Amino acid sequence: MSISIKERFHVNVALVLALLLLAACVPAIEPEHPDDTPEPIITETPEISPSPPTETPIPTPDKADLQAMIEHAREDLAQRLQLPFDEVSLLEWKAVTWHDSSLGCPQPGENYLPALHDGYLIRLQALDEVYQYHSGEDFAPFYCEHPREPYEDRSAQTGAAVVEPTKEASMAKPEPVDTPAERGSQDLVAQAIADLAAQLGIDQNEIELLLFEAVTWRDGSLGCPQPGMGYIQVLIDGHRIQLRANDHIYHYHSGANEPPFLCKDPQEPLSINSGG
């Protein structure tokens, strides 16, 4: 039996109405336990106060050339650390004499002229760290990551801003020390005293022992490089001896099975070793 178009229309309308009634009867689906959704936890970031500086900054010196030198060092460090200039402070400056043309900052594999150079040592502070700059009389200060001690501190001659010892300490003379107990060390001291007595034309009893210590030298010069000489770049164990005669102090160095010899321009050793 065929269905007319009119009847088919009425059937479709009835189906649509039935679906609408069914949808109206179904309740809306709500999320279960809406109150169980965790709320974000808001924490406050504590303010970190910088630790107090380890040392007290000092004012810049009055001399214009020194001011320019120190300002150059501060500007360089500020750029390196990407800090404002005012956050770099001056801790110390002093006039010194360097051992050689490295100006107290030798680089591995480089050779330097072993001649004394006057210059300056500048210590700066930034971010609670201390940084050291070296210079020569004709060189701008440069950052030195692994500095060496200068040959001589000339701050007393130039009025540099450093902490000076008390008058009692500055006037005190080093006291003599006992001859070491070990036989080999005794022989080294005896050789040094005999050599100095011969050079000065005095009796050995007029010579006092001020220092005897085992050290490691930086190279074949044994801490006493001579101008125009080249030296093997290896560490050498040895000794340094200080003697006093006629109110003057004399330095003797030894190492590599060499007897102690008088050194007029001594350098500091790489390290001081325990024992004699």
C-alpha atoms as a PDB file:
ATOM      1  CA  MET A   1       0.000   0.000   0.000  1.00  0.00           C
ATOM      2  CA  SER A   2       1.501   3.357  -1.011  1.00  0.00           C
ATOM      3  CA  ILE A   3       1.684   6.389   1.297  1.00  0.00           C
ATOM      4  CA  SER A   4       0.725   9.723  -0.085  1.00  0.00           C
ATOM      5  CA  ILE A   5       3.003  12.709   0.196  1.00  0.00           C
ATOM      6  CA  LYS A   6       0.626  14.370   2.599  1.00  0.00           C
ATOM      7  CA  GLU A   7       0.588  11.361   4.921  1.00  0.00           C
ATOM      8  CA  ARG A   8       4.413  11.132   4.803  1.00  0.00           C
ATOM      9  CA  PHE A   9       4.635  14.786   5.834  1.00  0.00           C
ATOM     10  CA  HIS A  10       2.373  14.201   8.838  1.00  0.00           C
ATOM     11  CA  VAL A  11       4.533  11.207   9.927  1.00  0.00           C
ATOM     12  CA  ASN A  12       7.742  13.249   9.793  1.00  0.00           C
ATOM     13  CA  VAL A  13       6.213  16.034  11.816  1.00  0.00           C
ATOM     14  CA  ALA A  14       5.103  13.548  14.453  1.00  0.00           C
ATOM     15  CA  LEU A  15       8.624  12.116  14.727  1.00  0.00           C
ATOM     16  CA  VAL A  16      10.167  15.560  15.174  1.00  0.00           C
ATOM     17  CA  LEU A  17       7.676  16.435  17.934  1.00  0.00           C
ATOM     18  CA  ALA A  18       8.408  13.162  19.693  1.00  0.00           C
ATOM     19  CA  LEU A  19      12.143  13.851  19.682  1.00  0.00           C
ATOM     20  CA  LEU A  20      11.640  17.348  21.069  1.00  0.00           C
ATOM     21  CA  LEU A  21       9.459  16.011  23.899  1.00  0.00           C
ATOM     22  CA  LEU A  22      12.063  13.364  24.726  1.00  0.00           C
ATOM     23  CA  ALA A  23      14.870  15.930  24.874  1.00  0.00           C
ATOM     24  CA  ALA A  24      12.873  18.144  27.186  1.00  0.00           C
ATOM     25  CA  CYS A  25      12.410  15.300  29.663  1.00  0.00           C
ATOM     26  CA  VAL A  26      16.144  14.542  29.997  1.00  0.00           C
ATOM     27  CA  PRO A  27      17.724  16.609  32.873  1.00  0.00           C
ATOM     28  CA  ALA A  28      20.841  18.709  32.171  1.00  0.00           C
ATOM     29  CA  ILE A  29      24.111  16.978  33.060  1.00  0.00           C
ATOM     30  CA  GLU A  30      26.074  18.952  35.640  1.00  0.00           C
ATOM     31  CA  PRO A  31      29.644  18.221  36.733  1.00  0.00           C
ATOM     32  CA  GLU A  32      29.850  16.114  39.844  1.00  0.00           C
ATOM     33  CA  HIS A  33      31.248  17.670  43.029  1.00  0.00           C
ATOM     34  CA  PRO A  34      31.982  21.127  41.657  1.00  0.00           C
ATOM     35  CA  ASP A  35      33.501  22.148  44.974  1.00  0.00           C
ATOM     36  CA  ASP A  36      36.251  19.499  44.670  1.00  0.00           C
ATOM     37  CA  THR A  37      38.192  21.446  42.006  1.00  0.00           C
ATOM     38  CA  PRO A  38      41.455  22.545  43.701  1.00  0.00           C
ATOM     39  CA  GLU A  39      42.096  26.228  43.807  1.00  0.00           C
ATOM     40  CA  PRO A  40      45.540  27.468  42.756  1.00  0.00           C
ATOM     41  CA  ILE A  41      47.939  28.023  45.664  1.00  0.00           C
ATOM     42  CA  ILE A  42      49.466  31.478  45.636  1.00  0.00           C
ATOM     43  CA  THR A  43      52.802  31.780  47.406  1.00  0.00           C
ATOM     44  CA  GLU A  44      54.771  34.939  47.965  1.00  0.00           C
ATOM     45  CA  THR A  45      58.391  34.979  46.804  1.00  0.00           C
ATOM     46  CA  PRO A  46      60.549  36.003  49.742  1.00  0.00           C
ATOM     47  CA  GLU A  47      62.771  38.987  49.242  1.00  0.00           C
ATOM     48  CA  ILE A  48      66.446  38.038  49.226  1.00  0.00           C
ATOM     49  CA  SER A  49      68.613  40.582  50.919  1.00  0.00           C
ATOM     50  CA  PRO A  50      72.193  40.722  49.675  1.00  0.00           C
ATOM     51  CA  SER A  51      74.767  39.624  52.198  1.00  0.00           C
ATOM     52  CA  PRO A  52      76.843  42.440  53.668  1.00  0.00           C
ATOM     53  CA  PRO A  53      80.079  43.196  51.824  1.00  0.00           C
ATOM     54  CA  THR A  54      83.090  41.283  53.044  1.00  0.00           C
ATOM     55  CA  GLU A  55      85.245  44.420  53.119  1.00  0.00           C
ATOM     56  CA  THR A  56      84.630  48.136  53.457  1.00  0.00           C
ATOM     57  CA  PRO A  57      85.002  50.197  50.253  1.00  0.00           C
ATOM     58  CA  ILE A  58      87.378  53.170  50.324  1.00  0.00           C
ATOM     59  CA  PRO A  59      87.184  56.532  48.525  1.00  0.00           C
ATOM     60  CA  THR A  60      88.887  57.110  45.192  1.00  0.00           C
ATOM     61  CA  PRO A  61      92.319  58.808  45.532  1.00  0.00           C
ATOM     62  CA  ASP A  62      92.745  62.493  44.737  1.00  0.00           C
ATOM     63  CA  LYS A  63      95.389  62.134  42.019  1.00  0.00           C
ATOM     64  CA  ALA A  64      93.829  62.506  38.574  1.00  0.00           C
ATOM     65  CA  ASP A  65      95.876  59.785  36.886  1.00  0.00           C
ATOM     66  CA  LEU A  66      95.014  57.260  39.590  1.00  0.00           C
ATOM     67  CA  GLN A  67      91.364  58.272  39.447  1.00  0.00           C
ATOM     68  CA  ALA A  68      91.320  57.629  35.703  1.00  0.00           C
ATOM     69  CA  MET A  69      93.004  54.255  36.198  1.00  0.00           C
ATOM     70  CA  ILE A  70      90.539  53.138  38.865  1.00  0.00           C
ATOM     71  CA  GLU A  71      87.537  54.415  36.887  1.00  0.00           C
ATOM     72  CA  HIS A  72      88.774  52.430  33.879  1.00  0.00           C
ATOM     73  CA  ALA A  73      88.958  49.269  36.009  1.00  0.00           C
ATOM     74  CA  ARG A  74      85.483  49.819  37.480  1.00  0.00           C
ATOM     75  CA  GLU A  75      83.972  50.426  34.045  1.00  0.00           C
ATOM     76  CA  ASP A  76      85.605  47.287  32.679  1.00  0.00           C
ATOM     77  CA  LEU A  77      84.326  45.131  35.555  1.00  0.00           C
ATOM     78  CA  ALA A  78      80.831  46.630  35.303  1.00  0.00           C
ATOM     79  CA  GLN A  79      80.724  45.683  31.624  1.00  0.00           C
ATOM     80  CA  ARG A  80      82.011  42.185  32.304  1.00  0.00           C
ATOM     81  CA  LEU A  81      79.359  41.563  34.956  1.00  0.00           C
ATOM     82  CA  GLN A  82      76.662  43.602  33.156  1.00  0.00           C
ATOM     83  CA  LEU A  83      76.144  45.736  36.229  1.00  0.00           C
ATOM     84  CA  PRO A  84      75.573  49.454  36.759  1.00  0.00           C
ATOM     85  CA  PHE A  85      78.816  51.317  37.335  1.00  0.00           C
ATOM     86  CA  ASP A  86      77.761  52.329  40.876  1.00  0.00           C
ATOM     87  CA  GLU A  87      77.530  48.674  41.943  1.00  0.00           C
ATOM     88  CA  VAL A  88      81.295  48.250  41.560  1.00  0.00           C
ATOM     89  CA  SER A  89      83.210  49.644  44.536  1.00  0.00           C
ATOM     90  CA  LEU A  90      86.892  50.210  45.253  1.00  0.00           C
ATOM     91  CA  LEU A  91      88.368  48.121  48.066  1.00  0.00           C
ATOM     92  CA  GLU A  92      92.082  48.852  47.760  1.00  0.00           C
ATOM     93  CA  TRP A  93      94.743  50.328  45.519  1.00  0.00           C
ATOM     94  CA  LYS A  94      98.475  50.321  46.047  1.00  0.00           C
ATOM     95  CA  ALA A  95     101.683  51.008  44.191  1.00  0.00           C
ATOM     96  CA  VAL A  96     103.717  47.848  43.641  1.00  0.00           C
ATOM     97  CA  THR A  97     106.689  46.489  41.738  1.00  0.00           C
ATOM     98  CA  TRP A  98     106.019  43.400  39.606  1.00  0.00           C
ATOM     99  CA  HIS A  99     108.505  40.580  39.123  1.00  0.00           C
ATOM    100  CA  ASP A 100     108.435  40.631  35.305  1.00  0.00           C
ATOM    101  CA  SER A 101     106.564  41.887  32.242  1.00  0.00           C
ATOM    102  CA  SER A 102     103.538  39.705  33.062  1.00  0.00           C
ATOM    103  CA  LEU A 103     102.679  42.377  35.675  1.00  0.00           C
ATOM    104  CA  GLY A 104     101.745  39.700  38.178  1.00  0.00           C
ATOM    105  CA  CYS A 105      99.399  37.864  35.811  1.00  0.00           C
ATOM    106  CA  PRO A 106     101.349  35.296  33.764  1.00  0.00           C
ATOM    107  CA  GLN A 107      99.457  33.260  31.159  1.00  0.00           C
ATOM    108  CA  PRO A 108     100.227  29.584  30.429  1.00  0.00           C
ATOM    109  CA  GLY A 109     102.607  29.121  27.514  1.00  0.00           C
ATOM    110  CA  GLU A 110     103.690  32.780  27.440  1.00  0.00           C
ATOM    111  CA  ASN A 111     107.224  34.035  28.035  1.00  0.00           C
ATOM    112  CA  TYR A 112     107.922  37.278  29.859  1.00  0.00           C
ATOM    113  CA  LEU A 113     110.887  39.568  30.245  1.00  0.00           C
ATOM    114  CA  PRO A 114     112.275  38.945  33.753  1.00  0.00           C
ATOM    115  CA  ALA A 115     112.716  42.602  34.683  1.00  0.00           C
ATOM    116  CA  LEU A 116     111.121  44.580  37.502  1.00  0.00           C
ATOM    117  CA  HIS A 117     108.146  46.775  36.513  1.00  0.00           C
ATOM    118  CA  ASP A 118     106.516  49.445  38.672  1.00  0.00           C
ATOM    119  CA  GLY A 119     102.742  49.571  38.543  1.00  0.00           C
ATOM    120  CA  TYR A 120      99.540  49.326  40.557  1.00  0.00           C
ATOM    121  CA  LEU A 121      97.318  46.692  42.085  1.00  0.00           C
ATOM    122  CA  ILE A 122      93.592  47.512  42.312  1.00  0.00           C
ATOM    123  CA  ARG A 123      91.000  45.421  44.144  1.00  0.00           C
ATOM    124  CA  LEU A 124      87.313  45.911  43.371  1.00  0.00           C
ATOM    125  CA  GLN A 125      84.148  44.453  44.848  1.00  0.00           C
ATOM    126  CA  ALA A 126      80.897  43.559  43.068  1.00  0.00           C
ATOM    127  CA  LEU A 127      78.147  41.059  43.902  1.00  0.00           C
ATOM    128  CA  ASP A 128      79.983  40.251  47.151  1.00  0.00           C
ATOM    129  CA  GLU A 129      83.003  39.027  45.174  1.00  0.00           C
ATOM    130  CA  VAL A 130      86.481  40.572  44.998  1.00  0.00           C
ATOM    131  CA  TYR A 131      88.200  41.141  41.638  1.00  0.00           C
ATOM    132  CA  GLN A 132      91.824  42.133  41.062  1.00  0.00           C
ATOM    133  CA  TYR A 133      93.217  44.460  38.393  1.00  0.00           C
ATOM    134  CA  HIS A 134      96.891  44.959  37.598  1.00  0.00           C
ATOM    135  CA  SER A 135      98.672  47.693  35.686  1.00  0.00           C
ATOM    136  CA  GLY A 136     102.116  48.962  34.798  1.00  0.00           C
ATOM    137  CA  GLU A 137     103.157  52.587  34.730  1.00  0.00           C
ATOM    138  CA  ASP A 138     102.456  52.709  30.976  1.00  0.00           C
ATOM    139  CA  PHE A 139      99.632  50.140  30.829  1.00  0.00           C
ATOM    140  CA  ALA A 140      95.932  50.477  31.576  1.00  0.00           C
ATOM    141  CA  PRO A 141      94.680  48.198  34.362  1.00  0.00           C
ATOM    142  CA  PHE A 142      93.462  44.780  33.237  1.00  0.00           C
ATOM    143  CA  TYR A 143      91.503  42.050  35.004  1.00  0.00           C
ATOM    144  CA  CYS A 144      93.684  39.255  36.410  1.00  0.00           C
ATOM    145  CA  GLU A 145      91.889  36.008  37.166  1.00  0.00           C
ATOM    146  CA  HIS A 146      94.889  34.227  38.714  1.00  0.00           C
ATOM    147  CA  PRO A 147      97.082  36.957  40.241  1.00  0.00           C
ATOM    148  CA  ARG A 148     100.557  36.562  41.674  1.00  0.00           C
ATOM    149  CA  GLU A 149     101.941  38.551  44.555  1.00  0.00           C
ATOM    150  CA  PRO A 150     104.051  41.571  43.540  1.00  0.00           C
ATOM    151  CA  TYR A 151     107.770  41.679  44.111  1.00  0.00           C
ATOM    152  CA  GLU A 152     107.493  44.771  46.322  1.00  0.00           C
ATOM    153  CA  ASP A 153     104.734  46.830  47.893  1.00  0.00           C
ATOM    154  CA  ARG A 154     105.572  50.505  47.290  1.00  0.00           C
ATOM    155  CA  SER A 155     102.416  51.853  48.952  1.00  0.00           C
ATOM    156  CA  ALA A 156     104.377  53.299  51.860  1.00  0.00           C
ATOM    157  CA  GLN A 157     106.361  55.416  49.391  1.00  0.00           C
ATOM    158  CA  THR A 158     103.317  56.696  47.495  1.00  0.00           C
ATOM    159  CA  GLY A 159     100.704  57.024  50.221  1.00  0.00           C
ATOM    160  CA  ALA A 160      98.443  54.371  48.720  1.00  0.00           C
ATOM    161  CA  ALA A 161      95.234  53.428  50.485  1.00  0.00           C
ATOM    162  CA  VAL A 162      96.166  50.244  52.294  1.00  0.00           C
ATOM    163  CA  VAL A 163      96.015  49.094  55.879  1.00  0.00           C
ATOM    164  CA  GLU A 164      99.351  49.968  57.442  1.00  0.00           C
ATOM    165  CA  PRO A 165     100.881  47.902  60.251  1.00  0.00           C
ATOM    166  CA  THR A 166     101.259  49.358  63.711  1.00  0.00           C
ATOM    167  CA  LYS A 167     104.454  51.214  64.521  1.00  0.00           C
ATOM    168  CA  GLU A 168     105.533  48.402  66.817  1.00  0.00           C
ATOM    169  CA  ALA A 169     105.100  45.856  64.016  1.00  0.00           C
ATOM    170  CA  SER A 170     106.805  47.981  61.388  1.00  0.00           C
ATOM    171  CA  MET A 171     109.791  48.662  63.626  1.00  0.00           C
ATOM    172  CA  ALA A 172     110.181  45.039  64.701  1.00  0.00           C
ATOM    173  CA  LYS A 173     112.992  43.043  63.104  1.00  0.00           C
ATOM    174  CA  PRO A 174     112.479  39.386  62.210  1.00  0.00           C
ATOM    175  CA  GLU A 175     113.837  37.083  64.863  1.00  0.00           C
ATOM    176  CA  PRO A 176     116.481  34.467  64.027  1.00  0.00           C
ATOM    177  CA  VAL A 177     115.316  30.853  63.803  1.00  0.00           C
ATOM    178  CA  ASP A 178     117.033  27.633  64.809  1.00  0.00           C
ATOM    179  CA  THR A 179     118.972  25.636  62.267  1.00  0.00           C
ATOM    180  CA  PRO A 180     116.806  22.756  60.968  1.00  0.00           C
ATOM    181  CA  ALA A 181     117.341  19.365  62.564  1.00  0.00           C
ATOM    182  CA  GLU A 182     117.524  17.353  59.343  1.00  0.00           C
ATOM    183  CA  ARG A 183     121.093  16.808  58.148  1.00  0.00           C
ATOM    184  CA  GLY A 184     120.470  17.670  54.493  1.00  0.00           C
ATOM    185  CA  SER A 185     118.793  20.937  55.488  1.00  0.00           C
ATOM    186  CA  GLN A 186     121.664  21.768  57.821  1.00  0.00           C
ATOM    187  CA  ASP A 187     124.083  21.338  54.921  1.00  0.00           C
ATOM    188  CA  LEU A 188     122.083  23.758  52.732  1.00  0.00           C
ATOM    189  CA  VAL A 189     122.069  26.407  55.467  1.00  0.00           C
ATOM    190  CA  ALA A 190     125.776  25.932  56.108  1.00  0.00           C
ATOM    191  CA  GLN A 191     126.540  26.331  52.386  1.00  0.00           C
ATOM    192  CA  ALA A 192     124.514  29.540  52.189  1.00  0.00           C
ATOM    193  CA  ILE A 193     126.151  31.026  55.296  1.00  0.00           C
ATOM    194  CA  ALA A 194     129.628  30.133  54.055  1.00  0.00           C
ATOM    195  CA  ASP A 195     128.957  31.690  50.662  1.00  0.00           C
ATOM    196  CA  LEU A 196     127.576  34.925  52.149  1.00  0.00           C
ATOM    197  CA  ALA A 197     130.454  35.221  54.607  1.00  0.00           C
ATOM    198  CA  ALA A 198     132.917  34.873  51.736  1.00  0.00           C
ATOM    199  CA  GLN A 199     131.119  37.473  49.602  1.00  0.00           C
ATOM    200  CA  LEU A 200     130.909  40.011  52.455  1.00  0.00           C
ATOM    201  CA  GLY A 201     134.316  39.215  53.936  1.00  0.00           C
ATOM    202  CA  ILE A 202     132.912  38.636  57.427  1.00  0.00           C
ATOM    203  CA  ASP A 203     132.926  35.840  59.970  1.00  0.00           C
ATOM    204  CA  GLN A 204     130.188  33.218  59.663  1.00  0.00           C
ATOM    205  CA  ASN A 205     129.180  33.876  63.281  1.00  0.00           C
ATOM    206  CA  GLU A 206     128.015  37.350  62.226  1.00  0.00           C
ATOM    207  CA  ILE A 207     125.314  35.847  60.016  1.00  0.00           C
ATOM    208  CA  GLU A 208     121.848  34.935  61.368  1.00  0.00           C
ATOM    209  CA  LEU A 209     119.359  32.482  59.876  1.00  0.00           C
ATOM    210  CA  LEU A 210     115.920  34.122  59.511  1.00  0.00           C
ATOM    211  CA  LEU A 211     114.063  31.617  57.325  1.00  0.00           C
ATOM    212  CA  PHE A 212     114.430  28.121  55.944  1.00  0.00           C
ATOM    213  CA  GLU A 213     111.558  26.463  54.121  1.00  0.00           C
ATOM    214  CA  ALA A 214     110.862  23.898  51.441  1.00  0.00           C
ATOM    215  CA  VAL A 215     109.166  25.397  48.383  1.00  0.00           C
ATOM    216  CA  THR A 216     108.134  24.626  44.818  1.00  0.00           C
ATOM    217  CA  TRP A 217     109.563  26.981  42.190  1.00  0.00           C
ATOM    218  CA  ARG A 218     107.598  27.882  39.069  1.00  0.00           C
ATOM    219  CA  ASP A 219     110.382  27.149  36.564  1.00  0.00           C
ATOM    220  CA  GLY A 220     114.067  26.491  36.063  1.00  0.00           C
ATOM    221  CA  SER A 221     115.033  29.957  37.285  1.00  0.00           C
ATOM    222  CA  LEU A 222     114.376  28.730  40.843  1.00  0.00           C
ATOM    223  CA  GLY A 223     112.671  32.011  41.648  1.00  0.00           C
ATOM    224  CA  CYS A 224     115.581  34.125  40.455  1.00  0.00           C
ATOM    225  CA  PRO A 225     115.244  34.824  36.692  1.00  0.00           C
ATOM    226  CA  GLN A 226     117.987  36.777  34.970  1.00  0.00           C
ATOM    227  CA  PRO A 227     117.354  39.268  32.124  1.00  0.00           C
ATOM    228  CA  GLY A 228     117.663  37.726  28.657  1.00  0.00           C
ATOM    229  CA  MET A 229     117.708  34.137  29.944  1.00  0.00           C
ATOM    230  CA  GLY A 230     115.192  31.405  29.084  1.00  0.00           C
ATOM    231  CA  TYR A 231     114.182  28.740  31.582  1.00  0.00           C
ATOM    232  CA  ILE A 232     112.524  25.343  31.423  1.00  0.00           C
ATOM    233  CA  GLN A 233     108.839  25.676  32.316  1.00  0.00           C
ATOM    234  CA  VAL A 234     108.504  22.895  34.882  1.00  0.00           C
ATOM    235  CA  LEU A 235     107.818  22.914  38.614  1.00  0.00           C
ATOM    236  CA  ILE A 236     110.923  22.299  40.691  1.00  0.00           C
ATOM    237  CA  ASP A 237     111.066  21.494  44.404  1.00  0.00           C
ATOM    238  CA  GLY A 238     113.733  23.304  46.368  1.00  0.00           C
ATOM    239  CA  HIS A 239     114.385  25.588  49.313  1.00  0.00           C
ATOM    240  CA  ARG A 240     114.667  29.252  50.100  1.00  0.00           C
ATOM    241  CA  ILE A 241     116.844  30.646  52.842  1.00  0.00           C
ATOM    242  CA  GLN A 242     116.949  34.126  54.331  1.00  0.00           C
ATOM    243  CA  LEU A 243     120.069  35.310  56.123  1.00  0.00           C
ATOM    244  CA  ARG A 244     120.824  38.569  57.937  1.00  0.00           C
ATOM    245  CA  ALA A 245     124.191  40.270  58.135  1.00  0.00           C
ATOM    246  CA  ASN A 246     125.004  43.910  58.941  1.00  0.00           C
ATOM    247  CA  ASP A 247     121.255  44.623  59.274  1.00  0.00           C
ATOM    248  CA  HIS A 248     120.650  43.536  55.663  1.00  0.00           C
ATOM    249  CA  ILE A 249     118.638  40.505  54.560  1.00  0.00           C
ATOM    250  CA  TYR A 250     119.983  38.203  51.859  1.00  0.00           C
ATOM    251  CA  HIS A 251     117.969  35.618  49.915  1.00  0.00           C
ATOM    252  CA  TYR A 252     119.337  32.235  48.905  1.00  0.00           C
ATOM    253  CA  HIS A 253     117.508  29.781  46.624  1.00  0.00           C
ATOM    254  CA  SER A 254     118.179  26.150  45.805  1.00  0.00           C
ATOM    255  CA  GLY A 255     116.606  23.315  43.857  1.00  0.00           C
ATOM    256  CA  ALA A 256     117.210  20.640  41.204  1.00  0.00           C
ATOM    257  CA  ASN A 257     120.252  19.418  43.157  1.00  0.00           C
ATOM    258  CA  GLU A 258     121.859  22.863  42.888  1.00  0.00           C
ATOM    259  CA  PRO A 259     123.523  24.349  45.987  1.00  0.00           C
ATOM    260  CA  PRO A 260     121.932  27.503  47.420  1.00  0.00           C
ATOM    261  CA  PHE A 261     122.906  30.689  45.586  1.00  0.00           C
ATOM    262  CA  LEU A 262     122.461  34.390  46.387  1.00  0.00           C
ATOM    263  CA  CYS A 263     119.421  35.912  44.620  1.00  0.00           C
ATOM    264  CA  LYS A 264     119.320  39.703  44.440  1.00  0.00           C
ATOM    265  CA  ASP A 265     115.836  39.928  42.870  1.00  0.00           C
ATOM    266  CA  PRO A 266     113.891  36.987  44.330  1.00  0.00           C
ATOM    267  CA  GLN A 267     110.427  35.928  43.183  1.00  0.00           C
ATOM    268  CA  GLU A 268     107.819  34.250  45.318  1.00  0.00           C
ATOM    269  CA  PRO A 269     107.612  30.452  44.937  1.00  0.00           C
ATOM    270  CA  LEU A 270     104.533  28.723  43.600  1.00  0.00           C
ATOM    271  CA  SER A 271     103.924  27.095  46.975  1.00  0.00           C
ATOM    272  CA  ILE A 272     105.464  26.610  50.383  1.00  0.00           C
ATOM    273  CA  ASN A 273     105.677  22.962  51.358  1.00  0.00           C
ATOM    274  CA  SER A 274     105.403  21.496  54.816  1.00  0.00           C
ATOM    275  CA  GLY A 275     108.549  20.360  56.460  1.00  0.00           C
ATOM    276  CA  GLY A 276     112.099  21.330  55.626  1.00  0.00           C
END
